[in-house]
Structure formats: C-alpha cells, structure tokens
Amino acid sequence: MPRIPSACLAATLGLACVTSAQAIAIDVPSVGVTFAWGLDAESSDTQTFSYVSPGASDQAWSTGGLRTASAGNVNATVNAWVNPVSGVFKSANTATTGSATRPADIAQSYARLDVTDVLRVSGPGATAAITFRMSYDTVFSGLGLSPFDAGDLASHFMQADSSRYASLTYQVPNPAYDPNAECTGSGEMFECGVETMAFFTERASADKTLFREWAQSERGFVYSNGDVDNGRYTGELLLSMVVPTNVDLTLNYTVYHGARCFHLSNCSVGVDASQSDYIGLEVGEGQTFTSAAGYRYEGLAAAVPEPSSLGLMLAGLLGVGVVARRRARAA
C-alpha cells in the first residue's frame, strides 16, 4: 500500500520538532475524496527545520503551484494537481539534502489522492463487464547509493515511490439466508453458517507499485529493494470485473507519489509524475454508468490546464479570443 511519511522526523535526531502547520488532508463535503500533500526539510548543520502542509486558505485540488520546504541546504518540493471529476492526478516531487558535516539531513515530499465512489451500470443485459483503468507515466531520478561514513546514526536510506491501488465491491442477496439462523459454538469453535449471511460480497482489486529504496546498514553495507531504477515508466493498472446491472458498486482508489532522503548527504531524489495519472472507466456496448459523486472517469487529459502549466493556460486564452472574434464577425 502507499506510504505516507511522518509529520516530523526531528525527534529521531534528538531535536525539538516545531511545525508551521499541522499535517491535514483536504476533504470535500459529501464526496469521498481526500487530496493530501506534505513537505519536510531538516538540516542537522543549521539546526533548522521546515514543514509545509495544506492550510485553510490553500486550494482544495492543487498545491497552488510549486511548494517548497527549505532548511539550510535541505529542500523538498511538490507541485500537484487533481481533477477527480474527469479523472486526473499529476504530481512532481523532489527531496534534496546538502553537503552536511554528518549524514543526518532529512528531506521528504509526498502527494496522495484517495477516492471512494458509488457506481451503477445500466443498459441491456443482467450483467456488465466493467473496466477501471489508471494510465501512469512516471520518471525517477537520483537513485543509487555508495558506501559512506555513517557516523553514529543507524538509518540511512532514499526512497522513490509512485503507487496506485483500486478495488470494486458489490453485494448480492443470499438466497439461502435464514433470518432465524444463529451462529453456533464458542471460542475458537464459534461458527456462522452460510444461512446467517444476508448478502454475499463480491470484490476485485488491483495495484501497481513503482518503488525503489537504497539504504546503508549499520555495518556499512549498501543494499536496495524495489523493481524500478532511474528512468521513465509508463503503463496501465487495469481492474476488470463482471458485475450485475442496476446494483450499487463501491469503487475505491488511491494514488501516491513520494520522494525521501533520510539521514543522507548529497541526496537528490525526484519522482516526476506530471504526466500521470489518467483515470478512466469503461462499460459494455450500449451500457452506461452513473457516479454518485458525479464523476466522469474519462481517462483523458483534463479539459482545463494544470495550474503549473502557463503555456497551456495561454493557449486556452488565445483560443477563447479566436472564438470571440468569430462570434463578433458572425454578428
């Protein structure tokens, strides 16, 4: 499952932890969506610490452009944007530590989207083949570690993470259900027969984790785990399921991007998912779906520009001007 960094790691160095804002997630009322992000920067040389997370005045669906946490030569950045209606989540995260006198600096950045929605498929037939699709495009950089003098600190690692998870669930009545049936036994022998269950729950899930960690042990050995390296990774997470029509389906999905440098010097990890994720939903021919949240799950580029893309914004404004001139000529 996706990883979320701790709000404060200064305590691991025996230092006081002072945050400028509490780690919070922005919830949209009556819709099961949480968009969260956070930055940590801790410099052992300057004894300074910076923590940045969403505040009450921040935008609900964006970091509001590039956000930075800085402490001495330590920096963490995030630039993330989400449109849950069309189905888009983009994020670029970096974590950088400077040339400290001892490898004790910490930098970390993350952005995360969690969505819960209720779907219903309608159209011809008693069943429908539904496919949930998450197209990803992520570039990793800065991974790799050589042995170094660790001093008296035990934990030293860098991490790059771009993960996504999805599940579909629905319930159908149990024809063998007996409202008078009771569970029998006690303790470890306590049993409930199938006749005690009013519904059967059907579920399917899928996940795609792009993760890499490089670390140095207490004895100075360098090792790594994970299945990605520096470079670009593209693909799709597909979750397919045959479901009954006109039945409530619960959809849950999570997307997480993060970069971490923990107790390291000269570390610079980047997770650029600014071309990810496009989230789509497909049903059979002649069938349609409805979303309780009103989401379309287009699986395409967003209809409006990302806040971080001035070029796209200017192109859109230019297009509006062209349309306006055409209307003026027609009048």
Protein backbone atom coordinates (compact mmCIF):
# COMPACT_ATOMS: atom_id res chain seq x y z
CA MET A 1 0.00 0.00 0.00
CA PRO A 2 1.12 3.60 -0.49
CA ARG A 3 3.47 5.06 2.08
CA ILE A 4 2.93 8.34 3.90
CA PRO A 5 5.92 9.99 5.57
CA SER A 6 5.75 11.01 9.21
CA ALA A 7 4.87 14.62 10.00
CA CYS A 8 8.06 15.15 11.98
CA LEU A 9 11.34 13.26 11.96
CA ALA A 10 13.39 15.72 14.01
CA ALA A 11 12.84 13.61 17.10
CA THR A 12 14.99 10.87 15.58
CA LEU A 13 17.93 13.26 15.89
CA GLY A 14 17.08 14.17 19.46
CA LEU A 15 15.97 17.65 18.38
CA ALA A 16 12.85 19.66 19.04
CA CYS A 17 10.08 19.41 16.49
CA VAL A 18 8.35 22.66 15.54
CA THR A 19 5.87 22.66 12.67
CA SER A 20 4.43 25.63 10.83
CA ALA A 21 1.24 23.74 10.03
CA GLN A 22 -0.34 20.52 11.19
CA ALA A 23 -0.47 17.65 8.69
CA ILE A 24 -4.02 17.66 7.39
CA ALA A 25 -5.97 16.36 4.40
CA ILE A 26 -8.47 18.43 2.47
CA ASP A 27 -11.86 16.72 2.42
CA VAL A 28 -14.65 17.73 0.07
CA PRO A 29 -18.00 17.62 1.90
CA SER A 30 -20.39 14.79 0.92
CA VAL A 31 -17.91 13.38 -1.61
CA GLY A 32 -15.43 10.66 -0.67
CA VAL A 33 -12.28 12.40 -1.85
CA THR A 34 -9.14 13.30 0.06
CA PHE A 35 -6.23 15.14 -1.55
CA ALA A 36 -3.22 15.45 0.74
CA TRP A 37 0.38 16.57 0.41
CA GLY A 38 3.28 17.43 2.71
CA LEU A 39 6.92 18.50 2.83
CA ASP A 40 9.66 18.02 5.44
CA ALA A 41 13.15 19.58 5.43
CA GLU A 42 15.53 19.10 8.36
CA SER A 43 19.14 20.35 8.45
CA SER A 44 21.46 18.95 11.10
CA ASP A 45 24.14 21.56 10.35
CA THR A 46 21.97 24.64 10.79
CA GLN A 47 19.59 23.05 13.32
CA THR A 48 16.67 24.38 11.28
CA PHE A 49 13.51 22.56 10.27
CA SER A 50 10.70 23.34 7.87
CA TYR A 51 7.37 21.53 7.47
CA VAL A 52 4.76 22.55 4.94
CA SER A 53 1.28 21.06 4.54
CA PRO A 54 -2.12 22.35 3.38
CA GLY A 55 -3.60 25.26 5.26
CA ALA A 56 -7.17 26.51 5.46
CA SER A 57 -6.57 29.03 2.66
CA ASP A 58 -4.95 26.57 0.25
CA GLN A 59 -6.71 25.33 -2.85
CA ALA A 60 -8.74 22.16 -2.46
CA TRP A 61 -7.50 20.39 -5.60
CA SER A 62 -3.99 21.77 -6.03
CA THR A 63 -0.82 22.69 -4.19
CA GLY A 64 -1.26 26.10 -5.84
CA GLY A 65 1.91 25.72 -7.89
CA LEU A 66 5.36 24.71 -6.69
CA ARG A 67 5.60 24.46 -2.90
CA THR A 68 8.95 24.27 -1.10
CA ALA A 69 10.23 23.47 2.38
CA SER A 70 13.82 24.62 2.99
CA ALA A 71 16.21 24.26 5.92
CA GLY A 72 19.82 25.21 5.22
CA ASN A 73 20.86 23.26 2.12
CA VAL A 74 17.96 20.82 2.52
CA ASN A 75 14.95 21.20 0.24
CA ALA A 76 11.73 19.35 -0.50
CA THR A 77 9.29 20.39 -3.22
CA VAL A 78 5.90 19.32 -4.53
CA ASN A 79 3.72 20.52 -7.37
CA ALA A 80 0.48 18.52 -7.56
CA TRP A 81 -2.93 18.95 -9.15
CA VAL A 82 -6.06 16.79 -9.25
CA ASN A 83 -9.37 16.82 -11.14
CA PRO A 84 -11.40 13.94 -9.72
CA VAL A 85 -14.37 14.73 -11.96
CA SER A 86 -12.59 13.95 -15.23
CA GLY A 87 -10.10 11.60 -13.55
CA VAL A 88 -6.64 13.22 -13.45
CA PHE A 89 -3.90 13.32 -10.81
CA LYS A 90 -0.48 14.85 -11.54
CA SER A 91 2.41 15.35 -9.16
CA ALA A 92 6.11 16.21 -9.21
CA ASN A 93 8.10 15.58 -6.01
CA THR A 94 11.75 16.18 -5.10
CA ALA A 95 13.84 15.63 -1.97
CA THR A 96 17.36 17.09 -1.74
CA THR A 97 19.94 17.16 1.06
CA GLY A 98 23.12 19.25 1.01
CA SER A 99 26.74 18.54 1.93
CA ALA A 100 26.31 18.15 5.67
CA THR A 101 29.24 17.51 8.05
CA ARG A 102 27.41 14.36 9.15
CA PRO A 103 24.80 12.37 7.18
CA ALA A 104 21.80 13.39 9.30
CA ASP A 105 19.73 15.59 6.98
CA ILE A 106 16.15 14.66 6.08
CA ALA A 107 14.06 15.74 3.08
CA GLN A 108 10.78 14.24 2.01
CA SER A 109 7.82 15.12 -0.20
CA TYR A 110 4.54 13.38 -0.96
CA ALA A 111 1.16 13.85 -2.61
CA ARG A 112 -1.77 11.46 -2.28
CA LEU A 113 -5.31 11.10 -3.63
CA ASP A 114 -7.97 8.82 -2.10
CA VAL A 115 -11.41 8.44 -3.71
CA THR A 116 -14.49 6.47 -2.70
CA ASP A 117 -17.44 6.48 -5.08
CA VAL A 118 -20.64 4.51 -5.67
CA LEU A 119 -21.29 3.44 -9.27
CA ARG A 120 -24.24 1.84 -11.01
CA VAL A 121 -24.27 0.34 -14.50
CA SER A 122 -27.46 0.33 -16.56
CA GLY A 123 -28.38 -0.88 -20.02
CA PRO A 124 -29.21 -4.14 -21.77
CA GLY A 125 -28.45 -7.42 -20.05
CA ALA A 126 -28.35 -8.61 -16.47
CA THR A 127 -24.59 -8.19 -16.20
CA ALA A 128 -21.93 -5.78 -17.39
CA ALA A 129 -18.18 -6.06 -17.95
CA ILE A 130 -16.65 -3.03 -16.27
CA THR A 131 -13.00 -1.97 -16.55
CA PHE A 132 -11.33 0.60 -14.33
CA ARG A 133 -8.15 1.95 -15.92
CA MET A 134 -5.33 4.06 -14.45
CA SER A 135 -2.70 5.14 -17.01
CA TYR A 136 0.60 6.19 -15.45
CA ASP A 137 3.76 7.90 -16.70
CA THR A 138 6.47 8.47 -14.07
CA VAL A 139 10.14 9.47 -14.28
CA PHE A 140 12.54 8.55 -11.44
CA SER A 141 15.88 10.26 -10.87
CA GLY A 142 18.70 10.42 -8.33
CA LEU A 143 18.52 6.78 -7.21
CA GLY A 144 21.71 4.99 -6.18
CA LEU A 145 23.92 4.91 -3.11
CA SER A 146 27.64 4.33 -2.48
CA PRO A 147 29.10 3.33 0.92
CA PHE A 148 29.95 6.29 3.17
CA ASP A 149 31.00 7.07 6.73
CA ALA A 150 27.70 6.84 8.60
CA GLY A 151 28.94 8.10 11.95
CA ASP A 152 26.75 7.16 14.91
CA LEU A 153 23.44 7.14 13.04
CA ALA A 154 21.91 3.79 12.13
CA SER A 155 19.27 4.54 9.48
CA HIS A 156 20.26 5.90 6.07
CA PHE A 157 18.06 5.49 3.02
CA MET A 158 16.49 7.10 -0.04
CA GLN A 159 13.09 6.17 -1.47
CA ALA A 160 11.13 6.87 -4.64
CA ASP A 161 7.51 5.77 -4.81
CA SER A 162 4.72 6.02 -7.37
CA SER A 163 1.87 3.71 -6.43
CA ARG A 164 -1.79 3.16 -7.25
CA TYR A 165 -4.44 0.80 -5.89
CA ALA A 166 -8.08 0.20 -6.87
CA SER A 167 -10.92 -2.05 -5.71
CA LEU A 168 -14.52 -2.73 -6.80
CA THR A 169 -17.07 -4.24 -4.42
CA TYR A 170 -20.75 -5.10 -4.59
CA GLN A 171 -23.28 -7.16 -2.63
CA VAL A 172 -25.92 -9.60 -3.81
CA PRO A 173 -28.70 -11.20 -1.72
CA ASN A 174 -28.02 -14.67 -0.35
CA PRO A 175 -30.86 -16.97 -1.49
CA ALA A 176 -30.09 -19.35 1.38
CA TYR A 177 -30.37 -16.63 4.04
CA ASP A 178 -32.46 -17.55 7.05
CA PRO A 179 -33.21 -14.60 9.36
CA ASN A 180 -33.76 -17.05 12.20
CA ALA A 181 -30.43 -18.83 11.77
CA GLU A 182 -27.85 -18.34 14.52
CA CYS A 183 -24.14 -18.84 14.84
CA THR A 184 -23.11 -21.81 16.95
CA GLY A 185 -20.23 -22.79 19.19
CA SER A 186 -17.93 -20.65 21.29
CA GLY A 187 -14.33 -19.54 21.49
CA GLU A 188 -12.20 -20.81 18.62
CA MET A 189 -15.02 -23.17 17.58
CA PHE A 190 -17.50 -20.34 17.02
CA GLU A 191 -19.00 -20.79 13.54
CA CYS A 192 -21.53 -18.98 11.39
CA GLY A 193 -23.17 -20.93 8.61
CA VAL A 194 -23.86 -19.51 5.17
CA GLU A 195 -27.54 -19.23 6.10
CA THR A 196 -26.67 -16.50 8.65
CA MET A 197 -25.41 -14.10 5.95
CA ALA A 198 -27.99 -11.83 4.32
CA PHE A 199 -25.65 -10.85 1.49
CA PHE A 200 -22.62 -12.16 -0.35
CA THR A 201 -19.87 -9.62 -1.03
CA GLU A 202 -18.03 -9.82 -4.32
CA ARG A 203 -14.80 -7.88 -4.78
CA ALA A 204 -11.86 -7.43 -7.09
CA SER A 205 -8.71 -5.36 -6.64
CA ALA A 206 -5.52 -4.47 -8.46
CA ASP A 207 -2.43 -2.45 -7.68
CA LYS A 208 0.73 -1.22 -9.37
CA THR A 209 3.62 -0.09 -7.21
CA LEU A 210 6.69 1.58 -8.71
CA PHE A 211 9.09 1.68 -5.78
CA ARG A 212 12.82 1.75 -5.09
CA GLU A 213 14.81 2.10 -1.91
CA TRP A 214 18.57 2.36 -1.47
CA ALA A 215 19.89 2.04 2.07
CA GLN A 216 23.05 1.55 4.12
CA SER A 217 23.01 -0.78 7.12
CA GLU A 218 24.66 -0.23 10.48
CA ARG A 219 27.65 -2.26 9.28
CA GLY A 220 28.13 -0.13 6.18
CA PHE A 221 26.59 -2.49 3.63
CA VAL A 222 24.63 -0.84 0.82
CA TYR A 223 21.55 -2.65 -0.43
CA SER A 224 18.35 -1.89 -2.33
CA ASN A 225 14.87 -3.24 -2.83
CA GLY A 226 12.11 -2.47 -5.30
CA ASP A 227 11.75 -3.01 -9.03
CA VAL A 228 12.45 0.37 -10.64
CA ASP A 229 15.55 2.45 -11.34
CA ASN A 230 16.31 5.87 -12.77
CA GLY A 231 14.27 6.36 -15.91
CA ARG A 232 10.74 6.56 -17.25
CA TYR A 233 7.98 4.04 -16.56
CA THR A 234 4.65 4.01 -18.37
CA GLY A 235 1.76 1.58 -18.32
CA GLU A 236 -1.73 0.90 -17.08
CA LEU A 237 -3.34 -0.54 -14.00
CA LEU A 238 -6.43 -2.45 -15.15
CA LEU A 239 -9.19 -3.70 -12.87
CA SER A 240 -11.86 -5.70 -14.73
CA MET A 241 -14.95 -7.26 -13.22
CA VAL A 242 -18.29 -8.67 -14.40
CA VAL A 243 -21.00 -7.05 -12.28
CA PRO A 244 -24.81 -7.11 -12.21
CA THR A 245 -26.55 -4.13 -13.74
CA ASN A 246 -28.58 -1.74 -11.56
CA VAL A 247 -26.64 -2.70 -8.43
CA ASP A 248 -24.54 -0.33 -6.33
CA LEU A 249 -20.79 -0.81 -6.84
CA THR A 250 -18.31 0.68 -4.40
CA LEU A 251 -15.16 1.98 -6.07
CA ASN A 252 -12.08 2.85 -4.03
CA TYR A 253 -8.77 4.01 -5.44
CA THR A 254 -5.59 5.59 -4.16
CA VAL A 255 -2.68 7.24 -5.96
CA TYR A 256 0.53 8.13 -4.11
CA HIS A 257 3.79 9.81 -5.19
CA GLY A 258 6.70 10.44 -2.86
CA ALA A 259 10.45 11.10 -2.60
CA ARG A 260 12.59 10.75 0.53
CA CYS A 261 16.20 11.32 1.62
CA PHE A 262 16.65 10.14 5.22
CA HIS A 263 19.90 10.68 7.14
CA LEU A 264 21.85 11.31 3.94
CA SER A 265 24.15 13.92 2.42
CA ASN A 266 24.24 14.84 -1.27
CA CYS A 267 20.98 13.03 -1.95
CA SER A 268 18.62 14.27 -4.65
CA VAL A 269 15.64 12.07 -5.46
CA GLY A 270 12.94 13.02 -7.96
CA VAL A 271 9.57 11.44 -8.76
CA ASP A 272 8.07 13.24 -11.73
CA ALA A 273 4.52 12.04 -12.34
CA SER A 274 3.42 15.28 -14.01
CA GLN A 275 2.17 13.17 -16.95
CA SER A 276 0.21 10.81 -14.64
CA ASP A 277 -2.42 9.57 -13.78
CA TYR A 278 -5.38 9.45 -16.19
CA ILE A 279 -8.25 7.55 -14.65
CA GLY A 280 -10.97 6.00 -16.81
CA LEU A 281 -13.99 3.71 -16.55
CA GLU A 282 -15.35 1.58 -19.38
CA VAL A 283 -18.56 -0.48 -19.68
CA GLY A 284 -20.02 -2.70 -22.40
CA GLU A 285 -21.60 -1.55 -25.65
CA GLY A 286 -24.98 0.09 -25.13
CA GLN A 287 -24.41 0.35 -21.37
CA THR A 288 -23.79 3.43 -19.27
CA PHE A 289 -22.71 4.13 -15.72
CA THR A 290 -23.64 6.74 -13.16
CA SER A 291 -21.44 8.05 -10.36
CA ALA A 292 -22.87 9.12 -7.01
CA ALA A 293 -20.16 11.79 -6.88
CA GLY A 294 -20.91 12.96 -10.43
CA TYR A 295 -17.51 11.88 -11.79
CA ARG A 296 -16.96 11.04 -15.46
CA TYR A 297 -13.71 8.98 -15.29
CA GLU A 298 -12.73 9.96 -18.81
CA GLY A 299 -9.22 8.53 -18.81
CA LEU A 300 -8.14 11.51 -20.94
CA ALA A 301 -6.24 14.75 -20.50
CA ALA A 302 -8.09 17.27 -18.36
CA ALA A 303 -10.33 19.80 -20.07
CA VAL A 304 -8.73 22.65 -18.09
CA PRO A 305 -4.99 23.37 -17.78
CA GLU A 306 -2.89 22.36 -14.83
CA PRO A 307 -2.08 25.36 -12.60
CA SER A 308 1.63 24.73 -13.17
CA SER A 309 1.38 24.97 -16.95
CA LEU A 310 1.39 28.60 -18.05
CA GLY A 311 1.78 27.59 -21.68
CA LEU A 312 -1.43 25.61 -21.68
CA MET A 313 -3.21 28.42 -19.92
CA LEU A 314 -2.09 30.99 -22.50
CA ALA A 315 -3.08 28.66 -25.33
CA GLY A 316 -6.54 28.36 -23.82
CA LEU A 317 -6.91 32.11 -23.50
CA LEU A 318 -5.83 32.52 -27.11
CA GLY A 319 -8.49 30.04 -28.17
CA VAL A 320 -11.15 31.99 -26.30
CA GLY A 321 -10.09 35.14 -28.15
CA VAL A 322 -10.39 33.39 -31.53
CA VAL A 323 -13.89 32.20 -30.73
CA ALA A 324 -14.89 35.66 -29.56
CA ARG A 325 -13.67 37.23 -32.82
CA ARG A 326 -15.56 34.67 -34.89
CA ARG A 327 -18.76 35.42 -32.99
CA ALA A 328 -18.21 39.12 -33.50
CA ARG A 329 -17.86 38.63 -37.27
CA ALA A 330 -20.98 36.46 -37.35
CA ALA A 331 -22.94 39.21 -35.57
